[in-house]
PDB file of all heavy atoms in Angstrom:
ATOM      1  N   ASN A   1      13.985 -12.652  14.755  1.00  0.00           N
ATOM      2  CA  ASN A   1      13.602 -13.604  13.712  1.00  0.00           C
ATOM      3  C   ASN A   1      12.099 -13.538  13.422  1.00  0.00           C
ATOM      4  O   ASN A   1      11.472 -14.540  13.091  1.00  0.00           O
ATOM      5  CB  ASN A   1      14.030 -15.031  14.063  1.00  0.00           C
ATOM      6  CG  ASN A   1      14.121 -15.902  12.826  1.00  0.00           C
ATOM      7  OD1 ASN A   1      14.490 -15.439  11.749  1.00  0.00           O
ATOM      8  ND2 ASN A   1      13.766 -17.159  12.966  1.00  0.00           N
ATOM      9  N   ILE A   2      11.529 -12.348  13.547  1.00  0.00           N
ATOM     10  CA  ILE A   2      10.104 -12.156  13.284  1.00  0.00           C
ATOM     11  C   ILE A   2       9.929 -11.405  11.969  1.00  0.00           C
ATOM     12  O   ILE A   2      10.592 -10.397  11.732  1.00  0.00           O
ATOM     13  CB  ILE A   2       9.422 -11.390  14.437  1.00  0.00           C
ATOM     14  CG1 ILE A   2       9.437 -12.253  15.705  1.00  0.00           C
ATOM     15  CG2 ILE A   2       7.997 -11.003  14.055  1.00  0.00           C
ATOM     16  CD1 ILE A   2       8.893 -11.555  16.928  1.00  0.00           C
ATOM     17  N   ALA A   3       9.022 -11.930  11.159  1.00  0.00           N
ATOM     18  CA  ALA A   3       8.672 -11.275   9.895  1.00  0.00           C
ATOM     19  C   ALA A   3       7.193 -10.920   9.934  1.00  0.00           C
ATOM     20  O   ALA A   3       6.365 -11.705  10.392  1.00  0.00           O
ATOM     21  CB  ALA A   3       8.956 -12.191   8.721  1.00  0.00           C
ATOM     22  N   THR A   4       6.885  -9.728   9.454  1.00  0.00           N
ATOM     23  CA  THR A   4       5.499  -9.274   9.371  1.00  0.00           C
ATOM     24  C   THR A   4       5.161  -9.064   7.902  1.00  0.00           C
ATOM     25  O   THR A   4       5.894  -8.391   7.190  1.00  0.00           O
ATOM     26  CB  THR A   4       5.307  -7.958  10.156  1.00  0.00           C
ATOM     27  OG1 THR A   4       5.760  -8.165  11.491  1.00  0.00           O
ATOM     28  CG2 THR A   4       3.857  -7.548  10.165  1.00  0.00           C
ATOM     29  N   GLU A   5       4.056  -9.641   7.497  1.00  0.00           N
ATOM     30  CA  GLU A   5       3.672  -9.656   6.088  1.00  0.00           C
ATOM     31  C   GLU A   5       2.376  -8.879   5.883  1.00  0.00           C
ATOM     32  O   GLU A   5       1.429  -9.053   6.635  1.00  0.00           O
ATOM     33  CB  GLU A   5       3.482 -11.127   5.724  1.00  0.00           C
ATOM     34  CG  GLU A   5       3.003 -11.445   4.369  1.00  0.00           C
ATOM     35  CD  GLU A   5       2.853 -12.951   4.195  1.00  0.00           C
ATOM     36  OE1 GLU A   5       3.835 -13.702   4.345  1.00  0.00           O
ATOM     37  OE2 GLU A   5       1.712 -13.369   3.896  1.00  0.00           O
ATOM     38  N   HIS A   6       2.380  -8.023   4.864  1.00  0.00           N
ATOM     39  CA  HIS A   6       1.160  -7.319   4.453  1.00  0.00           C
ATOM     40  C   HIS A   6       1.004  -7.522   2.947  1.00  0.00           C
ATOM     41  O   HIS A   6       1.960  -7.297   2.201  1.00  0.00           O
ATOM     42  CB  HIS A   6       1.246  -5.821   4.744  1.00  0.00           C
ATOM     43  CG  HIS A   6       1.216  -5.496   6.195  1.00  0.00           C
ATOM     44  ND1 HIS A   6       2.337  -5.468   6.979  1.00  0.00           N
ATOM     45  CD2 HIS A   6       0.187  -5.205   7.005  1.00  0.00           C
ATOM     46  CE1 HIS A   6       1.995  -5.154   8.211  1.00  0.00           C
ATOM     47  NE2 HIS A   6       0.696  -5.001   8.257  1.00  0.00           N
ATOM     48  N   VAL A   7      -0.179  -7.927   2.529  1.00  0.00           N
ATOM     49  CA  VAL A   7      -0.449  -8.108   1.109  1.00  0.00           C
ATOM     50  C   VAL A   7      -1.609  -7.189   0.742  1.00  0.00           C
ATOM     51  O   VAL A   7      -2.670  -7.246   1.366  1.00  0.00           O
ATOM     52  CB  VAL A   7      -0.790  -9.575   0.775  1.00  0.00           C
ATOM     53  CG1 VAL A   7      -1.108  -9.733  -0.702  1.00  0.00           C
ATOM     54  CG2 VAL A   7       0.356 -10.497   1.180  1.00  0.00           C
ATOM     55  N   TYR A   8      -1.372  -6.327  -0.231  1.00  0.00           N
ATOM     56  CA  TYR A   8      -2.375  -5.350  -0.650  1.00  0.00           C
ATOM     57  C   TYR A   8      -2.957  -5.735  -1.989  1.00  0.00           C
ATOM     58  O   TYR A   8      -2.254  -6.202  -2.877  1.00  0.00           O
ATOM     59  CB  TYR A   8      -1.737  -3.957  -0.752  1.00  0.00           C
ATOM     60  CG  TYR A   8      -1.297  -3.432   0.588  1.00  0.00           C
ATOM     61  CD1 TYR A   8       0.041  -3.473   0.958  1.00  0.00           C
ATOM     62  CD2 TYR A   8      -2.220  -2.920   1.489  1.00  0.00           C
ATOM     63  CE1 TYR A   8       0.450  -3.002   2.195  1.00  0.00           C
ATOM     64  CE2 TYR A   8      -1.823  -2.447   2.726  1.00  0.00           C
ATOM     65  CZ  TYR A   8      -0.486  -2.490   3.077  1.00  0.00           C
ATOM     66  OH  TYR A   8      -0.095  -2.038   4.299  1.00  0.00           O
ATOM     67  N   ASP A   9      -4.246  -5.492  -2.144  1.00  0.00           N
ATOM     68  CA  ASP A   9      -4.978  -5.761  -3.373  1.00  0.00           C
ATOM     69  C   ASP A   9      -5.037  -4.471  -4.193  1.00  0.00           C
ATOM     70  O   ASP A   9      -5.659  -3.500  -3.775  1.00  0.00           O
ATOM     71  CB  ASP A   9      -6.397  -6.239  -3.016  1.00  0.00           C
ATOM     72  CG  ASP A   9      -7.268  -6.500  -4.238  1.00  0.00           C
ATOM     73  OD1 ASP A   9      -6.784  -6.366  -5.386  1.00  0.00           O
ATOM     74  OD2 ASP A   9      -8.444  -6.836  -4.040  1.00  0.00           O
ATOM     75  N   PHE A  10      -4.355  -4.468  -5.325  1.00  0.00           N
ATOM     76  CA  PHE A  10      -4.375  -3.317  -6.214  1.00  0.00           C
ATOM     77  C   PHE A  10      -5.114  -3.620  -7.508  1.00  0.00           C
ATOM     78  O   PHE A  10      -4.886  -2.985  -8.528  1.00  0.00           O
ATOM     79  CB  PHE A  10      -2.957  -2.848  -6.537  1.00  0.00           C
ATOM     80  CG  PHE A  10      -2.193  -2.307  -5.368  1.00  0.00           C
ATOM     81  CD1 PHE A  10      -0.816  -2.382  -5.340  1.00  0.00           C
ATOM     82  CD2 PHE A  10      -2.839  -1.725  -4.291  1.00  0.00           C
ATOM     83  CE1 PHE A  10      -0.102  -1.872  -4.271  1.00  0.00           C
ATOM     84  CE2 PHE A  10      -2.137  -1.223  -3.207  1.00  0.00           C
ATOM     85  CZ  PHE A  10      -0.758  -1.290  -3.199  1.00  0.00           C
ATOM     86  N   SER A  11      -5.997  -4.601  -7.472  1.00  0.00           N
ATOM     87  CA  SER A  11      -6.737  -4.947  -8.669  1.00  0.00           C
ATOM     88  C   SER A  11      -7.634  -3.772  -9.057  1.00  0.00           C
ATOM     89  O   SER A  11      -8.023  -2.963  -8.207  1.00  0.00           O
ATOM     90  CB  SER A  11      -7.596  -6.190  -8.412  1.00  0.00           C
ATOM     91  OG  SER A  11      -8.592  -5.901  -7.442  1.00  0.00           O
ATOM     92  N   PRO A  12      -7.986  -3.654 -10.340  1.00  0.00           N
ATOM     93  CA  PRO A  12      -8.861  -2.560 -10.769  1.00  0.00           C
ATOM     94  C   PRO A  12     -10.182  -2.522 -10.002  1.00  0.00           C
ATOM     95  O   PRO A  12     -10.714  -1.441  -9.748  1.00  0.00           O
ATOM     96  CB  PRO A  12      -9.074  -2.827 -12.255  1.00  0.00           C
ATOM     97  CG  PRO A  12      -7.848  -3.570 -12.676  1.00  0.00           C
ATOM     98  CD  PRO A  12      -7.492  -4.430 -11.485  1.00  0.00           C
ATOM     99  N   ALA A  13     -10.700  -3.672  -9.609  1.00  0.00           N
ATOM    100  CA  ALA A  13     -11.961  -3.695  -8.852  1.00  0.00           C
ATOM    101  C   ALA A  13     -11.803  -2.981  -7.510  1.00  0.00           C
ATOM    102  O   ALA A  13     -12.732  -2.335  -7.034  1.00  0.00           O
ATOM    103  CB  ALA A  13     -12.408  -5.133  -8.626  1.00  0.00           C
ATOM    104  N   LYS A  14     -10.636  -3.070  -6.918  1.00  0.00           N
ATOM    105  CA  LYS A  14     -10.388  -2.450  -5.609  1.00  0.00           C
ATOM    106  C   LYS A  14      -9.827  -1.031  -5.754  1.00  0.00           C
ATOM    107  O   LYS A  14     -10.219  -0.126  -5.031  1.00  0.00           O
ATOM    108  CB  LYS A  14      -9.406  -3.331  -4.824  1.00  0.00           C
ATOM    109  CG  LYS A  14      -8.944  -2.785  -3.524  1.00  0.00           C
ATOM    110  CD  LYS A  14      -9.920  -3.121  -2.433  1.00  0.00           C
ATOM    111  CE  LYS A  14      -9.327  -2.704  -1.111  1.00  0.00           C
ATOM    112  NZ  LYS A  14     -10.161  -3.026  -0.008  1.00  0.00           N
ATOM    113  N   ALA A  15      -8.874  -0.865  -6.659  1.00  0.00           N
ATOM    114  CA  ALA A  15      -8.125   0.389  -6.739  1.00  0.00           C
ATOM    115  C   ALA A  15      -8.574   1.326  -7.856  1.00  0.00           C
ATOM    116  O   ALA A  15      -8.077   2.445  -7.939  1.00  0.00           O
ATOM    117  CB  ALA A  15      -6.635   0.077  -6.911  1.00  0.00           C
ATOM    118  N   GLY A  16      -9.464   0.864  -8.726  1.00  0.00           N
ATOM    119  CA  GLY A  16      -9.853   1.687  -9.858  1.00  0.00           C
ATOM    120  C   GLY A  16      -8.894   1.485 -11.019  1.00  0.00           C
ATOM    121  O   GLY A  16      -8.113   0.539 -11.043  1.00  0.00           O
ATOM    122  N   THR A  17      -8.934   2.413 -11.974  1.00  0.00           N
ATOM    123  CA  THR A  17      -8.069   2.318 -13.152  1.00  0.00           C
ATOM    124  C   THR A  17      -7.422   3.669 -13.418  1.00  0.00           C
ATOM    125  O   THR A  17      -7.833   4.691 -12.866  1.00  0.00           O
ATOM    126  CB  THR A  17      -8.877   1.887 -14.400  1.00  0.00           C
ATOM    127  OG1 THR A  17      -9.916   2.836 -14.615  1.00  0.00           O
ATOM    128  CG2 THR A  17      -9.474   0.495 -14.221  1.00  0.00           C
ATOM    129  N   GLY A  18      -6.422   3.655 -14.284  1.00  0.00           N
ATOM    130  CA  GLY A  18      -5.761   4.886 -14.713  1.00  0.00           C
ATOM    131  C   GLY A  18      -5.174   5.672 -13.551  1.00  0.00           C
ATOM    132  O   GLY A  18      -4.667   5.102 -12.591  1.00  0.00           O
ATOM    133  N   PRO A  19      -5.253   7.004 -13.636  1.00  0.00           N
ATOM    134  CA  PRO A  19      -4.674   7.853 -12.588  1.00  0.00           C
ATOM    135  C   PRO A  19      -5.254   7.593 -11.191  1.00  0.00           C
ATOM    136  O   PRO A  19      -4.548   7.683 -10.194  1.00  0.00           O
ATOM    137  CB  PRO A  19      -5.010   9.269 -13.054  1.00  0.00           C
ATOM    138  CG  PRO A  19      -5.172   9.157 -14.527  1.00  0.00           C
ATOM    139  CD  PRO A  19      -5.759   7.793 -14.759  1.00  0.00           C
ATOM    140  N   GLN A  20      -6.539   7.230 -11.148  1.00  0.00           N
ATOM    141  CA  GLN A  20      -7.156   6.918  -9.851  1.00  0.00           C
ATOM    142  C   GLN A  20      -6.418   5.746  -9.182  1.00  0.00           C
ATOM    143  O   GLN A  20      -6.138   5.769  -7.991  1.00  0.00           O
ATOM    144  CB  GLN A  20      -8.631   6.567 -10.036  1.00  0.00           C
ATOM    145  CG  GLN A  20      -9.312   6.114  -8.752  1.00  0.00           C
ATOM    146  CD  GLN A  20     -10.716   5.584  -9.000  1.00  0.00           C
ATOM    147  OE1 GLN A  20     -11.263   5.691 -10.098  1.00  0.00           O
ATOM    148  NE2 GLN A  20     -11.300   5.005  -7.972  1.00  0.00           N
ATOM    149  N   ARG A  21      -6.108   4.746  -9.962  1.00  0.00           N
ATOM    150  CA  ARG A  21      -5.396   3.578  -9.433  1.00  0.00           C
ATOM    151  C   ARG A  21      -3.997   3.952  -8.968  1.00  0.00           C
ATOM    152  O   ARG A  21      -3.544   3.513  -7.903  1.00  0.00           O
ATOM    153  CB  ARG A  21      -5.323   2.503 -10.510  1.00  0.00           C
ATOM    154  CG  ARG A  21      -4.685   1.226 -10.026  1.00  0.00           C
ATOM    155  CD  ARG A  21      -4.727   0.215 -11.125  1.00  0.00           C
ATOM    156  NE  ARG A  21      -4.368  -1.093 -10.628  1.00  0.00           N
ATOM    157  CZ  ARG A  21      -4.003  -2.072 -11.401  1.00  0.00           C
ATOM    158  NH1 ARG A  21      -3.975  -1.908 -12.700  1.00  0.00           N
ATOM    159  NH2 ARG A  21      -3.686  -3.236 -10.895  1.00  0.00           N
ATOM    160  N   LEU A  22      -3.306   4.741  -9.756  1.00  0.00           N
ATOM    161  CA  LEU A  22      -1.956   5.155  -9.364  1.00  0.00           C
ATOM    162  C   LEU A  22      -1.978   5.924  -8.045  1.00  0.00           C
ATOM    163  O   LEU A  22      -1.127   5.722  -7.178  1.00  0.00           O
ATOM    164  CB  LEU A  22      -1.313   5.986 -10.474  1.00  0.00           C
ATOM    165  CG  LEU A  22      -1.090   5.254 -11.801  1.00  0.00           C
ATOM    166  CD1 LEU A  22      -0.555   6.217 -12.848  1.00  0.00           C
ATOM    167  CD2 LEU A  22      -0.173   4.065 -11.621  1.00  0.00           C
ATOM    168  N   GLY A  23      -2.956   6.813  -7.890  1.00  0.00           N
ATOM    169  CA  GLY A  23      -3.085   7.560  -6.639  1.00  0.00           C
ATOM    170  C   GLY A  23      -3.384   6.644  -5.470  1.00  0.00           C
ATOM    171  O   GLY A  23      -2.824   6.801  -4.377  1.00  0.00           O
ATOM    172  N   TYR A  24      -4.237   5.663  -5.686  1.00  0.00           N
ATOM    173  CA  TYR A  24      -4.580   4.703  -4.643  1.00  0.00           C
ATOM    174  C   TYR A  24      -3.340   3.928  -4.199  1.00  0.00           C
ATOM    175  O   TYR A  24      -3.056   3.810  -3.007  1.00  0.00           O
ATOM    176  CB  TYR A  24      -5.662   3.744  -5.162  1.00  0.00           C
ATOM    177  CG  TYR A  24      -6.081   2.694  -4.167  1.00  0.00           C
ATOM    178  CD1 TYR A  24      -7.066   2.956  -3.223  1.00  0.00           C
ATOM    179  CD2 TYR A  24      -5.499   1.427  -4.184  1.00  0.00           C
ATOM    180  CE1 TYR A  24      -7.465   1.989  -2.313  1.00  0.00           C
ATOM    181  CE2 TYR A  24      -5.888   0.457  -3.277  1.00  0.00           C
ATOM    182  CZ  TYR A  24      -6.862   0.740  -2.345  1.00  0.00           C
ATOM    183  OH  TYR A  24      -7.242  -0.226  -1.442  1.00  0.00           O
ATOM    184  N   VAL A  25      -2.583   3.408  -5.171  1.00  0.00           N
ATOM    185  CA  VAL A  25      -1.372   2.643  -4.873  1.00  0.00           C
ATOM    186  C   VAL A  25      -0.376   3.512  -4.107  1.00  0.00           C
ATOM    187  O   VAL A  25       0.188   3.095  -3.084  1.00  0.00           O
ATOM    188  CB  VAL A  25      -0.738   2.092  -6.174  1.00  0.00           C
ATOM    189  CG1 VAL A  25       0.650   1.528  -5.925  1.00  0.00           C
ATOM    190  CG2 VAL A  25      -1.654   1.050  -6.800  1.00  0.00           C
ATOM    191  N   HIS A  26      -0.163   4.717  -4.582  1.00  0.00           N
ATOM    192  CA  HIS A  26       0.782   5.617  -3.920  1.00  0.00           C
ATOM    193  C   HIS A  26       0.372   5.879  -2.474  1.00  0.00           C
ATOM    194  O   HIS A  26       1.191   5.798  -1.564  1.00  0.00           O
ATOM    195  CB  HIS A  26       0.893   6.941  -4.681  1.00  0.00           C
ATOM    196  CG  HIS A  26       1.835   7.899  -4.036  1.00  0.00           C
ATOM    197  ND1 HIS A  26       1.398   8.858  -3.140  1.00  0.00           N
ATOM    198  CD2 HIS A  26       3.175   8.027  -4.119  1.00  0.00           C
ATOM    199  CE1 HIS A  26       2.439   9.540  -2.713  1.00  0.00           C
ATOM    200  NE2 HIS A  26       3.530   9.054  -3.296  1.00  0.00           N
ATOM    201  N   ASN A  27      -0.890   6.198  -2.256  1.00  0.00           N
ATOM    202  CA  ASN A  27      -1.353   6.515  -0.907  1.00  0.00           C
ATOM    203  C   ASN A  27      -1.212   5.327   0.044  1.00  0.00           C
ATOM    204  O   ASN A  27      -0.755   5.487   1.177  1.00  0.00           O
ATOM    205  CB  ASN A  27      -2.802   7.009  -0.930  1.00  0.00           C
ATOM    206  CG  ASN A  27      -2.917   8.366  -1.580  1.00  0.00           C
ATOM    207  OD1 ASN A  27      -1.962   9.131  -1.659  1.00  0.00           O
ATOM    208  ND2 ASN A  27      -4.103   8.667  -2.081  1.00  0.00           N
ATOM    209  N   ILE A  28      -1.601   4.147  -0.403  1.00  0.00           N
ATOM    210  CA  ILE A  28      -1.505   2.943   0.438  1.00  0.00           C
ATOM    211  C   ILE A  28      -0.044   2.650   0.777  1.00  0.00           C
ATOM    212  O   ILE A  28       0.301   2.416   1.946  1.00  0.00           O
ATOM    213  CB  ILE A  28      -2.149   1.723  -0.261  1.00  0.00           C
ATOM    214  CG1 ILE A  28      -3.644   1.922  -0.415  1.00  0.00           C
ATOM    215  CG2 ILE A  28      -1.804   0.425   0.464  1.00  0.00           C
ATOM    216  CD1 ILE A  28      -4.437   1.864   0.873  1.00  0.00           C
ATOM    217  N   LEU A  29       0.828   2.662  -0.229  1.00  0.00           N
ATOM    218  CA  LEU A  29       2.228   2.329   0.023  1.00  0.00           C
ATOM    219  C   LEU A  29       2.926   3.392   0.869  1.00  0.00           C
ATOM    220  O   LEU A  29       3.683   3.074   1.781  1.00  0.00           O
ATOM    221  CB  LEU A  29       2.972   2.102  -1.294  1.00  0.00           C
ATOM    222  CG  LEU A  29       2.549   0.842  -2.053  1.00  0.00           C
ATOM    223  CD1 LEU A  29       3.325   0.736  -3.354  1.00  0.00           C
ATOM    224  CD2 LEU A  29       2.722  -0.404  -1.210  1.00  0.00           C
ATOM    225  N   ARG A  30       2.661   4.641   0.585  1.00  0.00           N
ATOM    226  CA  ARG A  30       3.277   5.724   1.381  1.00  0.00           C
ATOM    227  C   ARG A  30       2.869   5.600   2.846  1.00  0.00           C
ATOM    228  O   ARG A  30       3.701   5.720   3.747  1.00  0.00           O
ATOM    229  CB  ARG A  30       2.854   7.081   0.810  1.00  0.00           C
ATOM    230  CG  ARG A  30       3.391   8.263   1.567  1.00  0.00           C
ATOM    231  CD  ARG A  30       4.750   8.683   1.036  1.00  0.00           C
ATOM    232  NE  ARG A  30       5.004  10.036   1.471  1.00  0.00           N
ATOM    233  CZ  ARG A  30       5.914  10.339   2.380  1.00  0.00           C
ATOM    234  NH1 ARG A  30       6.674   9.424   2.897  1.00  0.00           N
ATOM    235  NH2 ARG A  30       6.089  11.584   2.740  1.00  0.00           N
ATOM    236  N   GLU A  31       1.598   5.335   3.079  1.00  0.00           N
ATOM    237  CA  GLU A  31       1.116   5.159   4.457  1.00  0.00           C
ATOM    238  C   GLU A  31       1.803   3.969   5.127  1.00  0.00           C
ATOM    239  O   GLU A  31       2.226   4.044   6.281  1.00  0.00           O
ATOM    240  CB  GLU A  31      -0.400   4.950   4.428  1.00  0.00           C
ATOM    241  CG  GLU A  31      -1.036   4.863   5.787  1.00  0.00           C
ATOM    242  CD  GLU A  31      -2.548   4.743   5.666  1.00  0.00           C
ATOM    243  OE1 GLU A  31      -3.188   5.660   5.114  1.00  0.00           O
ATOM    244  OE2 GLU A  31      -3.065   3.704   6.119  1.00  0.00           O
ATOM    245  N   HIS A  32       1.961   2.865   4.393  1.00  0.00           N
ATOM    246  CA  HIS A  32       2.615   1.690   4.964  1.00  0.00           C
ATOM    247  C   HIS A  32       4.096   1.954   5.251  1.00  0.00           C
ATOM    248  O   HIS A  32       4.613   1.557   6.302  1.00  0.00           O
ATOM    249  CB  HIS A  32       2.466   0.474   4.042  1.00  0.00           C
ATOM    250  CG  HIS A  32       2.986  -0.781   4.658  1.00  0.00           C
ATOM    251  ND1 HIS A  32       2.234  -1.536   5.517  1.00  0.00           N
ATOM    252  CD2 HIS A  32       4.189  -1.380   4.580  1.00  0.00           C
ATOM    253  CE1 HIS A  32       2.949  -2.570   5.931  1.00  0.00           C
ATOM    254  NE2 HIS A  32       4.144  -2.494   5.367  1.00  0.00           N
ATOM    255  N   PHE A  33       4.765   2.624   4.339  1.00  0.00           N
ATOM    256  CA  PHE A  33       6.186   2.920   4.551  1.00  0.00           C
ATOM    257  C   PHE A  33       6.383   3.848   5.749  1.00  0.00           C
ATOM    258  O   PHE A  33       7.333   3.692   6.527  1.00  0.00           O
ATOM    259  CB  PHE A  33       6.820   3.510   3.286  1.00  0.00           C
ATOM    260  CG  PHE A  33       6.773   2.584   2.088  1.00  0.00           C
ATOM    261  CD1 PHE A  33       6.804   3.104   0.802  1.00  0.00           C
ATOM    262  CD2 PHE A  33       6.692   1.205   2.223  1.00  0.00           C
ATOM    263  CE1 PHE A  33       6.760   2.273  -0.306  1.00  0.00           C
ATOM    264  CE2 PHE A  33       6.643   0.359   1.122  1.00  0.00           C
ATOM    265  CZ  PHE A  33       6.680   0.897  -0.151  1.00  0.00           C
ATOM    266  N   MET A  34       5.496   4.806   5.923  1.00  0.00           N
ATOM    267  CA  MET A  34       5.570   5.690   7.096  1.00  0.00           C
ATOM    268  C   MET A  34       5.358   4.885   8.377  1.00  0.00           C
ATOM    269  O   MET A  34       6.035   5.106   9.385  1.00  0.00           O
ATOM    270  CB  MET A  34       4.532   6.819   6.998  1.00  0.00           C
ATOM    271  CG  MET A  34       4.789   7.794   5.862  1.00  0.00           C
ATOM    272  SD  MET A  34       6.345   8.693   6.023  1.00  0.00           S
ATOM    273  CE  MET A  34       5.960   9.732   7.409  1.00  0.00           C
ATOM    274  N   TYR A  35       4.446   3.942   8.349  1.00  0.00           N
ATOM    275  CA  TYR A  35       4.209   3.059   9.485  1.00  0.00           C
ATOM    276  C   TYR A  35       5.480   2.275   9.824  1.00  0.00           C
ATOM    277  O   TYR A  35       5.843   2.136  11.000  1.00  0.00           O
ATOM    278  CB  TYR A  35       3.039   2.116   9.165  1.00  0.00           C
ATOM    279  CG  TYR A  35       2.944   0.924  10.062  1.00  0.00           C
ATOM    280  CD1 TYR A  35       2.406   1.039  11.348  1.00  0.00           C
ATOM    281  CD2 TYR A  35       3.386  -0.333   9.642  1.00  0.00           C
ATOM    282  CE1 TYR A  35       2.319  -0.063  12.175  1.00  0.00           C
ATOM    283  CE2 TYR A  35       3.302  -1.427  10.465  1.00  0.00           C
ATOM    284  CZ  TYR A  35       2.772  -1.294  11.733  1.00  0.00           C
ATOM    285  OH  TYR A  35       2.701  -2.381  12.552  1.00  0.00           O
ATOM    286  N   LEU A  36       6.172   1.753   8.813  1.00  0.00           N
ATOM    287  CA  LEU A  36       7.400   0.990   9.048  1.00  0.00           C
ATOM    288  C   LEU A  36       8.461   1.838   9.746  1.00  0.00           C
ATOM    289  O   LEU A  36       9.177   1.353  10.617  1.00  0.00           O
ATOM    290  CB  LEU A  36       7.955   0.441   7.733  1.00  0.00           C
ATOM    291  CG  LEU A  36       7.170  -0.694   7.100  1.00  0.00           C
ATOM    292  CD1 LEU A  36       7.769  -1.061   5.753  1.00  0.00           C
ATOM    293  CD2 LEU A  36       7.113  -1.903   8.017  1.00  0.00           C
ATOM    294  N   ARG A  37       8.562   3.091   9.367  1.00  0.00           N
ATOM    295  CA  ARG A  37       9.535   3.983  10.019  1.00  0.00           C
ATOM    296  C   ARG A  37       9.238   4.128  11.498  1.00  0.00           C
ATOM    297  O   ARG A  37      10.140   4.296  12.304  1.00  0.00           O
ATOM    298  CB  ARG A  37       9.538   5.352   9.351  1.00  0.00           C
ATOM    299  CG  ARG A  37      10.278   5.345   8.027  1.00  0.00           C
ATOM    300  CD  ARG A  37      10.387   6.687   7.409  1.00  0.00           C
ATOM    301  NE  ARG A  37      10.727   7.741   8.354  1.00  0.00           N
ATOM    302  CZ  ARG A  37      10.819   9.005   8.044  1.00  0.00           C
ATOM    303  NH1 ARG A  37      10.597   9.380   6.802  1.00  0.00           N
ATOM    304  NH2 ARG A  37      11.131   9.919   8.918  1.00  0.00           N
ATOM    305  N   GLN A  38       7.985   4.076  11.873  1.00  0.00           N
ATOM    306  CA  GLN A  38       7.610   4.201  13.278  1.00  0.00           C
ATOM    307  C   GLN A  38       7.839   2.905  14.053  1.00  0.00           C
ATOM    308  O   GLN A  38       8.007   2.935  15.265  1.00  0.00           O
ATOM    309  CB  GLN A  38       6.140   4.610  13.403  1.00  0.00           C
ATOM    310  CG  GLN A  38       5.863   5.977  12.840  1.00  0.00           C
ATOM    311  CD  GLN A  38       4.368   6.251  12.725  1.00  0.00           C
ATOM    312  OE1 GLN A  38       3.546   5.432  13.073  1.00  0.00           O
ATOM    313  NE2 GLN A  38       4.039   7.423  12.208  1.00  0.00           N
ATOM    314  N   GLU A  39       7.848   1.770  13.355  1.00  0.00           N
ATOM    315  CA  GLU A  39       7.988   0.469  14.008  1.00  0.00           C
ATOM    316  C   GLU A  39       9.418   0.155  14.436  1.00  0.00           C
ATOM    317  O   GLU A  39       9.626  -0.679  15.298  1.00  0.00           O
ATOM    318  CB  GLU A  39       7.500  -0.647  13.074  1.00  0.00           C
ATOM    319  CG  GLU A  39       6.011  -0.678  12.936  1.00  0.00           C
ATOM    320  CD  GLU A  39       5.331  -1.011  14.250  1.00  0.00           C
ATOM    321  OE1 GLU A  39       5.535  -2.104  14.787  1.00  0.00           O
ATOM    322  OE2 GLU A  39       4.588  -0.139  14.757  1.00  0.00           O
ATOM    323  N   GLY A  40      10.395   0.775  13.824  1.00  0.00           N
ATOM    324  CA  GLY A  40      11.782   0.490  14.155  1.00  0.00           C
ATOM    325  C   GLY A  40      12.705   1.215  13.205  1.00  0.00           C
ATOM    326  O   GLY A  40      12.281   1.941  12.317  1.00  0.00           O
TER     327      GLY A  40
END
């Protein structure tokens, strides 16, 4: 009954705009999803 929460900031100020932002979002999420696979 344990939940773990992660909230990521993808605002333009943090992630950039256009293709740069898309790459940033992809890299962050892919890394997090790989981490989840290792957790269980």
